[in-house]
């Protein structure tokens, strides 16, 4: 009953000050529930953290996977995937802050424990393979190129979070598209 309320509150609390600085009391206060109710829903702060990543990761994966699966060539799929990626994280900036603050670097693929992350990398790797087979992408190691794409997107979105007046989602998606086309796509 309280699970979604707690996870929404935890996302804001962890996003503001980081997981390690947050206290369960902060999450309970933000959720508008008692500490006893919170502990009746989750046994520890780590459980809340993992449930948040599971929930958001699954949503994120679903949105990006759907965009990548739409018909079109690999370059068109790349653009749609970037738009979906940017859209999700801009709508959930606190979740993105949690990932950044907790050192979950997509660029080096250090979130092996996350099934959603691994599925996301697999989707982007498949996209790169498709782009290579269509003659649109450089013929490099697809898994390295997929993680490169994640790294570029993470860096661009982290810069967005740091700006007092950030560009809007379409501008960020366009910047990322330009950077990834330079990194992945053959000229022409």
N, C-alpha and C. Protein backbone atom coordinates (compact mmCIF):
# COMPACT_ATOMS: atom_id res chain seq x y z
N UNK A 1 0.81 -1.20 0.00
CA UNK A 1 0.00 0.00 0.00
C UNK A 1 0.86 1.27 0.00
N UNK A 2 1.91 1.26 0.80
CA UNK A 2 2.76 2.44 0.94
C UNK A 2 3.98 2.41 0.01
N UNK A 3 4.20 1.30 -0.66
CA UNK A 3 5.42 1.12 -1.45
C UNK A 3 5.68 2.27 -2.42
N UNK A 4 4.71 2.61 -3.26
CA UNK A 4 4.91 3.67 -4.25
C UNK A 4 5.14 5.03 -3.60
N UNK A 5 4.42 5.30 -2.53
CA UNK A 5 4.58 6.57 -1.81
C UNK A 5 6.00 6.66 -1.25
N UNK A 6 6.49 5.57 -0.68
CA UNK A 6 7.84 5.54 -0.12
C UNK A 6 8.88 5.71 -1.22
N UNK A 7 8.70 5.01 -2.32
CA UNK A 7 9.70 5.10 -3.40
C UNK A 7 9.73 6.49 -4.02
N UNK A 8 8.58 7.11 -4.20
CA UNK A 8 8.56 8.49 -4.72
C UNK A 8 9.27 9.44 -3.76
N UNK A 9 9.01 9.28 -2.47
CA UNK A 9 9.66 10.13 -1.47
C UNK A 9 11.16 9.87 -1.42
N UNK A 10 11.54 8.60 -1.44
CA UNK A 10 12.96 8.25 -1.40
C UNK A 10 13.71 8.81 -2.60
N UNK A 11 13.07 8.78 -3.75
CA UNK A 11 13.70 9.33 -4.96
C UNK A 11 14.04 10.81 -4.75
N UNK A 12 13.12 11.56 -4.18
CA UNK A 12 13.37 12.99 -3.92
C UNK A 12 14.45 13.17 -2.86
N UNK A 13 14.36 12.41 -1.77
CA UNK A 13 15.34 12.54 -0.68
C UNK A 13 16.73 12.13 -1.15
N UNK A 14 16.85 10.98 -1.79
CA UNK A 14 18.14 10.52 -2.29
C UNK A 14 18.67 11.46 -3.37
N UNK A 15 17.78 12.00 -4.19
CA UNK A 15 18.19 12.93 -5.25
C UNK A 15 18.74 14.22 -4.70
N UNK A 16 18.16 14.71 -3.61
CA UNK A 16 18.63 15.97 -3.01
C UNK A 16 19.99 15.84 -2.34
N UNK A 17 20.17 14.81 -1.56
CA UNK A 17 21.39 14.74 -0.76
C UNK A 17 22.21 13.49 -0.89
N UNK A 18 21.77 12.57 -1.72
CA UNK A 18 22.50 11.32 -1.89
C UNK A 18 22.01 10.24 -0.94
N UNK A 19 22.19 9.02 -1.35
CA UNK A 19 21.76 7.87 -0.57
C UNK A 19 22.45 7.83 0.79
N UNK A 20 23.76 8.02 0.80
CA UNK A 20 24.52 7.87 2.05
C UNK A 20 24.19 8.94 3.07
N UNK A 21 23.82 10.12 2.64
CA UNK A 21 23.47 11.20 3.58
C UNK A 21 22.02 11.12 4.06
N UNK A 22 21.20 10.39 3.35
CA UNK A 22 19.77 10.31 3.70
C UNK A 22 19.56 9.40 4.90
N UNK A 23 18.54 9.71 5.65
CA UNK A 23 18.14 8.88 6.78
C UNK A 23 16.73 8.37 6.51
N UNK A 24 16.42 7.24 7.09
CA UNK A 24 15.07 6.69 6.93
C UNK A 24 14.03 7.68 7.46
N UNK A 25 14.38 8.44 8.49
CA UNK A 25 13.47 9.46 9.02
C UNK A 25 13.14 10.49 7.95
N UNK A 26 14.15 10.85 7.14
CA UNK A 26 13.93 11.82 6.06
C UNK A 26 12.93 11.27 5.04
N UNK A 27 13.08 9.99 4.71
CA UNK A 27 12.18 9.36 3.74
C UNK A 27 10.76 9.30 4.30
N UNK A 28 10.64 8.91 5.57
CA UNK A 28 9.32 8.83 6.21
C UNK A 28 8.65 10.20 6.23
N UNK A 29 9.41 11.22 6.60
CA UNK A 29 8.86 12.59 6.65
C UNK A 29 8.40 13.03 5.26
N UNK A 30 9.23 12.81 4.27
CA UNK A 30 8.89 13.18 2.89
C UNK A 30 7.65 12.43 2.39
N UNK A 31 7.51 11.18 2.82
CA UNK A 31 6.37 10.36 2.40
C UNK A 31 5.11 10.66 3.20
N UNK A 32 5.28 11.37 4.32
CA UNK A 32 4.13 11.68 5.17
C UNK A 32 3.63 10.48 5.95
N UNK A 33 4.55 9.59 6.30
CA UNK A 33 4.19 8.40 7.08
C UNK A 33 5.10 8.29 8.29
N UNK A 34 4.73 7.42 9.21
CA UNK A 34 5.56 7.22 10.40
C UNK A 34 6.76 6.34 10.05
N UNK A 35 7.77 6.42 10.88
CA UNK A 35 8.95 5.59 10.70
C UNK A 35 8.57 4.10 10.84
N UNK A 36 7.66 3.79 11.74
CA UNK A 36 7.19 2.40 11.90
C UNK A 36 6.53 1.90 10.61
N UNK A 37 5.73 2.75 9.99
CA UNK A 37 5.08 2.36 8.73
C UNK A 37 6.13 2.14 7.65
N UNK A 38 7.13 3.00 7.61
CA UNK A 38 8.21 2.85 6.63
C UNK A 38 8.92 1.51 6.82
N UNK A 39 9.29 1.21 8.07
CA UNK A 39 9.97 -0.06 8.33
C UNK A 39 9.05 -1.27 8.16
N UNK A 40 7.76 -1.05 8.20
CA UNK A 40 6.81 -2.12 7.88
C UNK A 40 6.74 -2.40 6.39
N UNK A 41 7.17 -1.42 5.60
CA UNK A 41 7.14 -1.55 4.14
C UNK A 41 8.49 -2.01 3.60
N UNK A 42 9.57 -1.45 4.13
CA UNK A 42 10.94 -1.80 3.73
C UNK A 42 11.76 -2.02 4.99
N UNK A 43 12.60 -3.03 4.98
CA UNK A 43 13.37 -3.36 6.18
C UNK A 43 14.61 -2.50 6.36
N UNK A 44 15.09 -1.86 5.28
CA UNK A 44 16.30 -1.05 5.40
C UNK A 44 16.35 0.01 4.30
N UNK A 45 17.22 0.96 4.50
CA UNK A 45 17.43 2.00 3.49
C UNK A 45 17.95 1.37 2.20
N UNK A 46 18.81 0.38 2.32
CA UNK A 46 19.34 -0.31 1.14
C UNK A 46 18.20 -0.98 0.35
N UNK A 47 17.23 -1.56 1.06
CA UNK A 47 16.08 -2.17 0.37
C UNK A 47 15.28 -1.12 -0.40
N UNK A 48 15.12 0.05 0.18
CA UNK A 48 14.41 1.15 -0.51
C UNK A 48 15.19 1.53 -1.76
N UNK A 49 16.48 1.69 -1.61
CA UNK A 49 17.37 2.07 -2.71
C UNK A 49 17.28 1.06 -3.86
N UNK A 50 17.39 -0.21 -3.53
CA UNK A 50 17.34 -1.25 -4.57
C UNK A 50 15.96 -1.31 -5.23
N UNK A 51 14.90 -1.15 -4.45
CA UNK A 51 13.55 -1.16 -5.02
C UNK A 51 13.34 0.03 -5.95
N UNK A 52 13.90 1.19 -5.58
CA UNK A 52 13.81 2.37 -6.44
C UNK A 52 14.50 2.11 -7.77
N UNK A 53 15.71 1.55 -7.72
CA UNK A 53 16.43 1.25 -8.96
C UNK A 53 15.70 0.21 -9.80
N UNK A 54 15.13 -0.77 -9.14
CA UNK A 54 14.38 -1.80 -9.87
C UNK A 54 13.17 -1.18 -10.58
N UNK A 55 12.43 -0.34 -9.86
CA UNK A 55 11.24 0.28 -10.43
C UNK A 55 11.60 1.23 -11.58
N UNK A 56 12.47 2.19 -11.32
CA UNK A 56 12.82 3.16 -12.35
C UNK A 56 13.58 2.51 -13.50
N UNK A 57 14.47 1.59 -13.18
CA UNK A 57 15.21 0.91 -14.23
C UNK A 57 14.31 0.16 -15.19
N UNK A 58 13.30 -0.49 -14.65
CA UNK A 58 12.34 -1.22 -15.47
C UNK A 58 11.53 -0.27 -16.36
N UNK A 59 11.08 0.84 -15.78
CA UNK A 59 10.33 1.84 -16.57
C UNK A 59 11.21 2.42 -17.68
N UNK A 60 12.43 2.78 -17.31
CA UNK A 60 13.39 3.37 -18.23
C UNK A 60 13.67 2.41 -19.38
N UNK A 61 13.95 1.17 -19.04
CA UNK A 61 14.22 0.15 -20.05
C UNK A 61 13.03 -0.01 -20.99
N UNK A 62 11.83 -0.05 -20.43
CA UNK A 62 10.63 -0.20 -21.26
C UNK A 62 10.47 0.93 -22.25
N UNK A 63 10.68 2.16 -21.79
CA UNK A 63 10.51 3.32 -22.68
C UNK A 63 11.54 3.33 -23.79
N UNK A 64 12.80 3.10 -23.44
CA UNK A 64 13.86 3.14 -24.45
C UNK A 64 13.75 1.93 -25.39
N UNK A 65 13.46 0.76 -24.84
CA UNK A 65 13.33 -0.44 -25.68
C UNK A 65 12.21 -0.28 -26.71
N UNK A 66 11.10 0.29 -26.29
CA UNK A 66 9.98 0.51 -27.22
C UNK A 66 10.41 1.44 -28.36
N UNK A 67 11.16 2.47 -28.03
CA UNK A 67 11.62 3.41 -29.06
C UNK A 67 12.59 2.74 -30.03
N UNK A 68 13.49 1.91 -29.50
CA UNK A 68 14.46 1.23 -30.36
C UNK A 68 13.80 0.18 -31.25
N UNK A 69 12.68 -0.36 -30.83
CA UNK A 69 12.00 -1.43 -31.57
C UNK A 69 11.11 -0.94 -32.71
N UNK A 70 10.86 0.36 -32.76
CA UNK A 70 10.02 0.89 -33.84
C UNK A 70 10.71 0.68 -35.19
N UNK A 71 9.92 0.56 -36.28
CA UNK A 71 10.51 0.34 -37.60
C UNK A 71 11.40 1.51 -38.04
N UNK A 72 12.39 1.17 -38.85
CA UNK A 72 13.30 2.17 -39.39
C UNK A 72 14.71 1.64 -39.41
N UNK A 73 15.60 2.39 -40.05
CA UNK A 73 16.99 1.94 -40.08
C UNK A 73 17.66 2.25 -38.74
N UNK A 74 18.90 1.79 -38.60
CA UNK A 74 19.60 1.92 -37.32
C UNK A 74 19.82 3.38 -36.93
N UNK A 75 20.07 4.23 -37.90
CA UNK A 75 20.28 5.65 -37.59
C UNK A 75 18.99 6.28 -37.05
N UNK A 76 17.86 5.93 -37.64
CA UNK A 76 16.56 6.43 -37.15
C UNK A 76 16.27 5.87 -35.76
N UNK A 77 16.60 4.60 -35.55
CA UNK A 77 16.40 3.99 -34.23
C UNK A 77 17.29 4.65 -33.19
N UNK A 78 18.52 4.98 -33.58
CA UNK A 78 19.42 5.69 -32.67
C UNK A 78 18.78 6.99 -32.21
N UNK A 79 18.27 7.75 -33.14
CA UNK A 79 17.66 9.04 -32.80
C UNK A 79 16.45 8.85 -31.89
N UNK A 80 15.59 7.89 -32.21
CA UNK A 80 14.41 7.63 -31.35
C UNK A 80 14.83 7.16 -29.96
N UNK A 81 15.85 6.32 -29.90
CA UNK A 81 16.34 5.84 -28.61
C UNK A 81 16.89 6.96 -27.76
N UNK A 82 17.61 7.88 -28.38
CA UNK A 82 18.15 9.04 -27.66
C UNK A 82 17.01 9.89 -27.11
N UNK A 83 16.02 10.15 -27.93
CA UNK A 83 14.88 10.96 -27.48
C UNK A 83 14.20 10.30 -26.28
N UNK A 84 13.98 8.99 -26.34
CA UNK A 84 13.34 8.28 -25.23
C UNK A 84 14.22 8.31 -23.98
N UNK A 85 15.52 8.14 -24.15
CA UNK A 85 16.49 8.16 -23.06
C UNK A 85 16.44 9.51 -22.35
N UNK A 86 16.56 10.57 -23.14
CA UNK A 86 16.55 11.93 -22.59
C UNK A 86 15.21 12.24 -21.94
N UNK A 87 14.13 11.91 -22.61
CA UNK A 87 12.80 12.18 -22.08
C UNK A 87 12.62 11.56 -20.70
N UNK A 88 13.00 10.30 -20.55
CA UNK A 88 12.79 9.63 -19.27
C UNK A 88 13.60 10.30 -18.16
N UNK A 89 14.87 10.54 -18.40
CA UNK A 89 15.71 11.09 -17.33
C UNK A 89 15.38 12.55 -17.02
N UNK A 90 14.90 13.30 -17.99
CA UNK A 90 14.49 14.68 -17.71
C UNK A 90 13.20 14.68 -16.88
N UNK A 91 12.35 13.69 -17.09
CA UNK A 91 11.13 13.60 -16.28
C UNK A 91 11.40 13.03 -14.88
N UNK A 92 12.58 12.42 -14.71
CA UNK A 92 12.96 11.84 -13.41
C UNK A 92 14.36 12.31 -13.01
N UNK A 93 14.56 13.63 -12.87
CA UNK A 93 15.90 14.13 -12.58
C UNK A 93 16.44 13.67 -11.23
N UNK A 94 15.58 13.48 -10.24
CA UNK A 94 16.07 13.00 -8.95
C UNK A 94 16.63 11.59 -9.07
N UNK A 95 15.98 10.75 -9.84
CA UNK A 95 16.50 9.40 -10.07
C UNK A 95 17.87 9.47 -10.75
N UNK A 96 18.00 10.33 -11.73
CA UNK A 96 19.28 10.47 -12.42
C UNK A 96 20.35 10.97 -11.45
N UNK A 97 20.00 11.93 -10.59
CA UNK A 97 20.95 12.42 -9.58
C UNK A 97 21.40 11.29 -8.65
N UNK A 98 20.48 10.42 -8.28
CA UNK A 98 20.83 9.28 -7.42
C UNK A 98 21.89 8.44 -8.13
N UNK A 99 21.67 8.11 -9.39
CA UNK A 99 22.64 7.33 -10.15
C UNK A 99 23.99 8.03 -10.21
N UNK A 100 23.99 9.31 -10.50
CA UNK A 100 25.25 10.05 -10.59
C UNK A 100 25.96 10.13 -9.25
N UNK A 101 25.22 10.43 -8.20
CA UNK A 101 25.83 10.58 -6.87
C UNK A 101 26.39 9.27 -6.33
N UNK A 102 25.77 8.19 -6.68
CA UNK A 102 26.19 6.90 -6.13
C UNK A 102 27.25 6.23 -6.99
N UNK A 103 27.78 6.97 -7.96
CA UNK A 103 28.90 6.48 -8.75
C UNK A 103 28.55 5.37 -9.72
N UNK A 104 27.30 5.30 -10.12
CA UNK A 104 26.90 4.28 -11.09
C UNK A 104 27.25 4.80 -12.48
N UNK A 105 28.43 4.50 -12.92
CA UNK A 105 28.89 5.02 -14.20
C UNK A 105 28.49 4.10 -15.35
N UNK A 106 27.60 4.60 -16.18
CA UNK A 106 27.21 3.83 -17.36
C UNK A 106 28.39 3.73 -18.32
N UNK A 107 29.25 4.74 -18.29
CA UNK A 107 30.35 4.79 -19.24
C UNK A 107 31.30 3.61 -19.08
N UNK A 108 31.45 3.11 -17.87
CA UNK A 108 32.34 1.97 -17.68
C UNK A 108 31.58 0.70 -17.35
N UNK A 109 30.26 0.77 -17.42
CA UNK A 109 29.44 -0.41 -17.25
C UNK A 109 29.54 -1.07 -15.89
N UNK A 110 29.63 -0.27 -14.83
CA UNK A 110 29.84 -0.85 -13.50
C UNK A 110 28.55 -1.12 -12.74
N UNK A 111 27.46 -1.29 -13.42
CA UNK A 111 26.21 -1.61 -12.74
C UNK A 111 25.76 -3.02 -13.11
N UNK A 112 26.72 -3.96 -13.00
CA UNK A 112 26.43 -5.34 -13.36
C UNK A 112 25.25 -5.92 -12.59
N UNK A 113 25.03 -5.45 -11.38
CA UNK A 113 23.96 -6.00 -10.55
C UNK A 113 22.57 -5.64 -11.08
N UNK A 114 22.49 -4.67 -11.96
CA UNK A 114 21.20 -4.20 -12.44
C UNK A 114 20.77 -4.94 -13.71
N UNK A 115 19.74 -5.78 -13.61
CA UNK A 115 19.26 -6.45 -14.82
C UNK A 115 18.77 -5.47 -15.89
N UNK A 116 18.16 -4.37 -15.46
CA UNK A 116 17.67 -3.38 -16.43
C UNK A 116 18.84 -2.75 -17.18
N UNK A 117 19.93 -2.44 -16.48
CA UNK A 117 21.10 -1.87 -17.13
C UNK A 117 21.66 -2.87 -18.15
N UNK A 118 21.80 -4.12 -17.74
CA UNK A 118 22.34 -5.13 -18.65
C UNK A 118 21.45 -5.32 -19.88
N UNK A 119 20.14 -5.31 -19.68
CA UNK A 119 19.21 -5.42 -20.81
C UNK A 119 19.31 -4.20 -21.71
N UNK A 120 19.49 -3.02 -21.10
CA UNK A 120 19.66 -1.79 -21.88
C UNK A 120 20.91 -1.84 -22.73
N UNK A 121 22.01 -2.27 -22.15
CA UNK A 121 23.26 -2.41 -22.91
C UNK A 121 23.07 -3.41 -24.05
N UNK A 122 22.38 -4.51 -23.78
CA UNK A 122 22.12 -5.50 -24.83
C UNK A 122 21.32 -4.89 -25.98
N UNK A 123 20.31 -4.09 -25.65
CA UNK A 123 19.51 -3.43 -26.70
C UNK A 123 20.35 -2.49 -27.55
N UNK A 124 21.19 -1.67 -26.89
CA UNK A 124 22.03 -0.73 -27.63
C UNK A 124 23.10 -1.48 -28.42
N UNK A 125 23.62 -2.58 -27.87
CA UNK A 125 24.59 -3.39 -28.60
C UNK A 125 23.95 -3.98 -29.86
N UNK A 126 22.72 -4.46 -29.74
CA UNK A 126 22.00 -4.97 -30.91
C UNK A 126 21.79 -3.87 -31.95
N UNK A 127 21.49 -2.66 -31.49
CA UNK A 127 21.32 -1.54 -32.41
C UNK A 127 22.63 -1.27 -33.16
N UNK A 128 23.75 -1.29 -32.45
CA UNK A 128 25.04 -1.05 -33.10
C UNK A 128 25.32 -2.15 -34.12
N UNK A 129 25.07 -3.40 -33.74
CA UNK A 129 25.26 -4.50 -34.70
C UNK A 129 24.42 -4.29 -35.96
N UNK A 130 23.19 -3.88 -35.75
CA UNK A 130 22.30 -3.63 -36.89
C UNK A 130 22.85 -2.49 -37.75
N UNK A 131 23.33 -1.43 -37.10
CA UNK A 131 23.90 -0.31 -37.83
C UNK A 131 25.12 -0.71 -38.65
N UNK A 132 25.94 -1.59 -38.09
CA UNK A 132 27.11 -2.09 -38.82
C UNK A 132 26.64 -2.92 -40.02
N UNK A 133 25.67 -3.81 -39.80
CA UNK A 133 25.21 -4.66 -40.90
C UNK A 133 24.51 -3.86 -42.00
N UNK A 134 23.89 -2.74 -41.63
CA UNK A 134 23.24 -1.87 -42.63
C UNK A 134 24.25 -0.94 -43.31
N UNK A 135 25.52 -1.00 -42.89
CA UNK A 135 26.54 -0.13 -43.47
C UNK A 135 26.45 1.31 -43.01
N UNK A 136 25.79 1.55 -41.88
CA UNK A 136 25.61 2.92 -41.38
C UNK A 136 26.58 3.28 -40.25
N UNK A 137 27.02 2.28 -39.48
CA UNK A 137 27.88 2.51 -38.32
C UNK A 137 29.27 1.94 -38.59
N UNK A 138 30.26 2.49 -37.90
CA UNK A 138 31.61 1.96 -37.97
C UNK A 138 31.61 0.51 -37.49
N UNK A 139 32.47 -0.30 -38.09
CA UNK A 139 32.57 -1.71 -37.72
C UNK A 139 33.59 -1.85 -36.59
N UNK A 140 33.16 -1.48 -35.41
CA UNK A 140 33.97 -1.58 -34.19
C UNK A 140 33.26 -2.55 -33.25
N UNK A 141 33.86 -2.81 -32.09
CA UNK A 141 33.26 -3.70 -31.10
C UNK A 141 31.90 -3.14 -30.67
N UNK A 142 30.79 -3.82 -30.98
CA UNK A 142 29.46 -3.29 -30.67
C UNK A 142 29.22 -3.02 -29.19
N UNK A 143 29.76 -3.87 -28.31
CA UNK A 143 29.52 -3.64 -26.88
C UNK A 143 30.26 -2.41 -26.40
N UNK A 144 31.45 -2.16 -26.91
CA UNK A 144 32.19 -0.94 -26.55
C UNK A 144 31.46 0.28 -27.10
N UNK A 145 30.98 0.17 -28.32
CA UNK A 145 30.26 1.31 -28.91
C UNK A 145 28.95 1.58 -28.16
N UNK A 146 28.27 0.54 -27.68
CA UNK A 146 27.03 0.73 -26.91
C UNK A 146 27.33 1.43 -25.59
N UNK A 147 28.38 1.01 -24.90
CA UNK A 147 28.75 1.66 -23.64
C UNK A 147 29.23 3.09 -23.91
N UNK A 148 29.87 3.32 -25.05
CA UNK A 148 30.25 4.68 -25.44
C UNK A 148 29.01 5.55 -25.56
N UNK A 149 27.97 5.00 -26.18
CA UNK A 149 26.71 5.75 -26.32
C UNK A 149 26.15 6.11 -24.95
N UNK A 150 26.13 5.14 -24.03
CA UNK A 150 25.65 5.41 -22.67
C UNK A 150 26.48 6.50 -22.01
N UNK A 151 27.81 6.41 -22.18
CA UNK A 151 28.69 7.41 -21.57
C UNK A 151 28.43 8.81 -22.09
N UNK A 152 28.28 8.94 -23.39
CA UNK A 152 28.00 10.26 -23.99
C UNK A 152 26.68 10.81 -23.46
N UNK A 153 25.67 9.95 -23.40
CA UNK A 153 24.37 10.41 -22.91
C UNK A 153 24.46 10.81 -21.44
N UNK A 154 25.19 10.04 -20.64
CA UNK A 154 25.34 10.36 -19.22
C UNK A 154 26.04 11.70 -19.03
N UNK A 155 27.10 11.93 -19.76
CA UNK A 155 27.85 13.18 -19.64
C UNK A 155 26.99 14.37 -20.05
N UNK A 156 26.31 14.27 -21.17
CA UNK A 156 25.46 15.39 -21.63
C UNK A 156 24.35 15.68 -20.63
N UNK A 157 23.73 14.63 -20.09
CA UNK A 157 22.64 14.84 -19.13
C UNK A 157 23.15 15.34 -17.79
N UNK A 158 24.34 14.91 -17.38
CA UNK A 158 24.93 15.44 -16.15
C UNK A 158 25.22 16.93 -16.31
N UNK A 159 25.69 17.33 -17.48
CA UNK A 159 25.91 18.76 -17.74
C UNK A 159 24.59 19.52 -17.68
N UNK A 160 23.51 18.92 -18.20
CA UNK A 160 22.18 19.53 -18.13
C UNK A 160 21.77 19.76 -16.68
N UNK A 161 21.98 18.76 -15.81
CA UNK A 161 21.62 18.91 -14.40
C UNK A 161 22.37 20.04 -13.72
N UNK A 162 23.60 20.28 -14.15
CA UNK A 162 24.45 21.27 -13.50
C UNK A 162 24.17 22.70 -13.94
N UNK A 163 23.44 22.89 -15.03
CA UNK A 163 23.21 24.24 -15.55
C UNK A 163 22.06 24.93 -14.82
N UNK A 164 22.24 26.22 -14.49
CA UNK A 164 21.15 26.95 -13.84
C UNK A 164 19.95 27.13 -14.78
N UNK A 165 20.21 27.27 -16.07
CA UNK A 165 19.14 27.38 -17.06
C UNK A 165 19.42 26.37 -18.18
N UNK A 166 19.06 25.11 -17.92
CA UNK A 166 19.40 24.07 -18.89
C UNK A 166 18.56 24.16 -20.16
N UNK A 167 19.10 23.62 -21.25
CA UNK A 167 18.31 23.57 -22.49
C UNK A 167 17.14 22.61 -22.31
N UNK A 168 16.19 22.68 -23.21
CA UNK A 168 15.04 21.78 -23.11
C UNK A 168 15.39 20.40 -23.69
N UNK A 169 14.49 19.46 -23.50
CA UNK A 169 14.74 18.07 -23.91
C UNK A 169 15.11 17.93 -25.38
N UNK A 170 14.38 18.56 -26.32
CA UNK A 170 14.77 18.40 -27.72
C UNK A 170 16.19 18.91 -28.01
N UNK A 171 16.60 20.00 -27.36
CA UNK A 171 17.96 20.51 -27.57
C UNK A 171 19.00 19.52 -27.05
N UNK A 172 18.74 18.95 -25.87
CA UNK A 172 19.68 17.98 -25.31
C UNK A 172 19.74 16.75 -26.21
N UNK A 173 18.60 16.27 -26.65
CA UNK A 173 18.56 15.10 -27.54
C UNK A 173 19.33 15.38 -28.83
N UNK A 174 19.21 16.59 -29.34
CA UNK A 174 19.93 16.95 -30.57
C UNK A 174 21.44 16.98 -30.33
N UNK A 175 21.88 17.54 -29.21
CA UNK A 175 23.32 17.56 -28.88
C UNK A 175 23.86 16.13 -28.77
N UNK A 176 23.11 15.27 -28.11
CA UNK A 176 23.53 13.88 -27.95
C UNK A 176 23.53 13.17 -29.30
N UNK A 177 22.53 13.41 -30.12
CA UNK A 177 22.47 12.79 -31.44
C UNK A 177 23.68 13.17 -32.27
N UNK A 178 24.03 14.44 -32.27
CA UNK A 178 25.21 14.90 -33.03
C UNK A 178 26.46 14.19 -32.53
N UNK A 179 26.65 14.14 -31.21
CA UNK A 179 27.83 13.50 -30.64
C UNK A 179 27.88 12.01 -30.98
N UNK A 180 26.74 11.34 -30.88
CA UNK A 180 26.74 9.90 -31.15
C UNK A 180 26.85 9.59 -32.64
N UNK A 181 26.30 10.44 -33.48
CA UNK A 181 26.50 10.22 -34.92
C UNK A 181 27.97 10.35 -35.28
N UNK A 182 28.66 11.29 -34.64
CA UNK A 182 30.11 11.43 -34.88
C UNK A 182 30.86 10.19 -34.42
N UNK A 183 30.43 9.62 -33.28
CA UNK A 183 31.13 8.48 -32.71
C UNK A 183 30.79 7.15 -33.39
N UNK A 184 29.54 6.99 -33.81
CA UNK A 184 29.08 5.69 -34.30
C UNK A 184 28.90 5.59 -35.81
N UNK A 185 28.45 6.67 -36.43
CA UNK A 185 27.98 6.60 -37.82
C UNK A 185 29.06 6.92 -38.83
N UNK A 186 29.06 6.14 -39.90
CA UNK A 186 29.94 6.43 -41.03
C UNK A 186 29.48 7.72 -41.70
N UNK A 187 30.41 8.48 -42.27
CA UNK A 187 30.00 9.72 -42.96
C UNK A 187 29.06 9.41 -44.13
N UNK A 188 28.16 10.37 -44.36
CA UNK A 188 27.30 10.26 -45.53
C UNK A 188 25.92 9.86 -45.29
